[in-house]
Amino acid sequence: MIYGTVTTGTNWKFLKLTKQTIEIDLVEYFINDLGKILGILASGLHSSIN
């Protein structure tokens, strides 16, 4: 799996590529949702370690 992030610095979108399938999180996260953004980033890191 490959995890990706697109950001303007204040707006964030997340993606995941598995083989030839891409999943795009339709939710756009904003910088005031910092806890959610950090949680998503941490989850991707945790998944890539295991």
N, C-alpha and C. Protein backbone atom coordinates (compact mmCIF):
# COMPACT_ATOMS: atom_id res chain seq x y z
N MET A 1 0.83 -1.18 0.00
CA MET A 1 0.00 0.00 0.00
C MET A 1 0.88 1.24 0.00
N ILE A 2 0.38 2.25 -0.68
CA ILE A 2 1.03 3.56 -0.68
C ILE A 2 -0.01 4.57 -0.22
N TYR A 3 0.35 5.35 0.77
CA TYR A 3 -0.55 6.37 1.29
C TYR A 3 -0.12 7.73 0.75
N GLY A 4 -1.08 8.59 0.46
CA GLY A 4 -0.75 9.90 -0.06
C GLY A 4 -1.59 10.98 0.59
N THR A 5 -1.06 12.17 0.54
CA THR A 5 -1.73 13.35 1.08
C THR A 5 -1.56 14.49 0.10
N VAL A 6 -2.63 15.22 -0.10
CA VAL A 6 -2.58 16.45 -0.89
C VAL A 6 -3.03 17.57 0.04
N THR A 7 -2.25 18.65 0.08
CA THR A 7 -2.60 19.73 0.99
C THR A 7 -2.24 21.08 0.41
N THR A 8 -3.03 22.07 0.79
CA THR A 8 -2.70 23.46 0.49
C THR A 8 -2.05 24.09 1.71
N GLY A 9 -1.98 23.32 2.78
CA GLY A 9 -1.48 23.81 4.05
C GLY A 9 -2.62 24.02 5.04
N THR A 10 -3.79 24.38 4.51
CA THR A 10 -4.96 24.54 5.37
C THR A 10 -6.04 23.51 5.05
N ASN A 11 -6.04 22.99 3.83
CA ASN A 11 -7.00 21.97 3.41
C ASN A 11 -6.22 20.68 3.11
N TRP A 12 -6.76 19.54 3.55
CA TRP A 12 -6.07 18.26 3.42
C TRP A 12 -7.00 17.22 2.81
N LYS A 13 -6.45 16.37 1.91
CA LYS A 13 -7.14 15.22 1.34
C LYS A 13 -6.20 14.03 1.46
N PHE A 14 -6.76 12.83 1.62
CA PHE A 14 -5.96 11.62 1.81
C PHE A 14 -6.33 10.57 0.77
N LEU A 15 -5.31 9.80 0.34
CA LEU A 15 -5.48 8.77 -0.67
C LEU A 15 -4.74 7.50 -0.25
N LYS A 16 -5.16 6.37 -0.82
CA LYS A 16 -4.46 5.10 -0.56
C LYS A 16 -4.45 4.30 -1.86
N LEU A 17 -3.27 3.84 -2.27
CA LEU A 17 -3.12 3.03 -3.47
C LEU A 17 -2.80 1.60 -3.05
N THR A 18 -3.63 0.66 -3.47
CA THR A 18 -3.42 -0.75 -3.21
C THR A 18 -3.41 -1.46 -4.55
N LYS A 19 -2.26 -1.98 -4.94
CA LYS A 19 -2.05 -2.58 -6.27
C LYS A 19 -2.44 -1.55 -7.32
N GLN A 20 -3.53 -1.75 -8.03
CA GLN A 20 -3.94 -0.79 -9.06
C GLN A 20 -5.24 -0.09 -8.70
N THR A 21 -5.59 -0.11 -7.44
CA THR A 21 -6.82 0.52 -6.97
C THR A 21 -6.48 1.69 -6.07
N ILE A 22 -7.05 2.85 -6.40
CA ILE A 22 -6.83 4.02 -5.56
C ILE A 22 -8.12 4.34 -4.81
N GLU A 23 -7.97 4.62 -3.54
CA GLU A 23 -9.10 5.04 -2.70
C GLU A 23 -8.85 6.49 -2.32
N ILE A 24 -9.84 7.33 -2.55
CA ILE A 24 -9.73 8.75 -2.23
C ILE A 24 -10.75 9.07 -1.16
N ASP A 25 -10.29 9.60 -0.05
CA ASP A 25 -11.19 10.04 1.02
C ASP A 25 -11.92 11.28 0.52
N LEU A 26 -13.23 11.21 0.41
CA LEU A 26 -14.01 12.31 -0.14
C LEU A 26 -14.14 13.50 0.81
N VAL A 27 -13.80 13.26 2.06
CA VAL A 27 -13.87 14.33 3.06
C VAL A 27 -12.66 15.23 2.90
N GLU A 28 -12.87 16.52 2.92
CA GLU A 28 -11.77 17.48 2.93
C GLU A 28 -11.60 17.96 4.37
N TYR A 29 -10.39 17.78 4.89
CA TYR A 29 -10.11 18.14 6.27
C TYR A 29 -9.46 19.52 6.30
N PHE A 30 -9.80 20.29 7.30
CA PHE A 30 -9.27 21.63 7.43
C PHE A 30 -8.32 21.69 8.62
N ILE A 31 -7.44 22.65 8.62
CA ILE A 31 -6.38 22.74 9.64
C ILE A 31 -6.96 22.81 11.05
N ASN A 32 -8.18 23.31 11.22
CA ASN A 32 -8.77 23.33 12.56
C ASN A 32 -9.19 21.92 13.02
N ASP A 33 -9.13 20.92 12.10
CA ASP A 33 -9.36 19.50 12.44
C ASP A 33 -8.02 18.80 12.66
N LEU A 34 -7.07 19.50 13.28
CA LEU A 34 -5.71 19.00 13.41
C LEU A 34 -5.65 17.62 14.06
N GLY A 35 -6.48 17.37 15.05
CA GLY A 35 -6.49 16.06 15.70
C GLY A 35 -6.84 14.95 14.72
N LYS A 36 -7.82 15.17 13.86
CA LYS A 36 -8.20 14.18 12.85
C LYS A 36 -7.07 13.98 11.84
N ILE A 37 -6.47 15.08 11.39
CA ILE A 37 -5.38 15.00 10.42
C ILE A 37 -4.22 14.19 10.99
N LEU A 38 -3.82 14.50 12.21
CA LEU A 38 -2.72 13.77 12.84
C LEU A 38 -3.08 12.31 13.07
N GLY A 39 -4.34 12.04 13.39
CA GLY A 39 -4.79 10.66 13.58
C GLY A 39 -4.71 9.87 12.29
N ILE A 40 -5.09 10.47 11.18
CA ILE A 40 -5.02 9.80 9.88
C ILE A 40 -3.56 9.55 9.50
N LEU A 41 -2.71 10.53 9.68
CA LEU A 41 -1.28 10.36 9.39
C LEU A 41 -0.67 9.26 10.25
N ALA A 42 -1.00 9.27 11.54
CA ALA A 42 -0.47 8.25 12.45
C ALA A 42 -0.98 6.86 12.07
N SER A 43 -2.22 6.76 11.65
CA SER A 43 -2.79 5.49 11.26
C SER A 43 -2.07 4.93 10.03
N GLY A 44 -1.76 5.79 9.06
CA GLY A 44 -1.02 5.36 7.88
C GLY A 44 0.38 4.89 8.24
N LEU A 45 1.04 5.60 9.13
CA LEU A 45 2.37 5.19 9.57
C LEU A 45 2.32 3.86 10.30
N HIS A 46 1.34 3.71 11.17
CA HIS A 46 1.19 2.48 11.94
C HIS A 46 0.94 1.29 11.00
N SER A 47 0.08 1.48 9.99
CA SER A 47 -0.23 0.43 9.04
C SER A 47 0.99 0.02 8.21
N SER A 48 1.82 1.01 7.87
CA SER A 48 2.99 0.69 7.03
C SER A 48 4.07 -0.02 7.83
N ILE A 49 4.09 0.15 9.14
CA ILE A 49 5.08 -0.52 9.98
C ILE A 49 4.71 -1.98 10.19
N ASN A 50 3.42 -2.25 10.33
CA ASN A 50 2.96 -3.63 10.57
C ASN A 50 2.87 -4.38 9.33
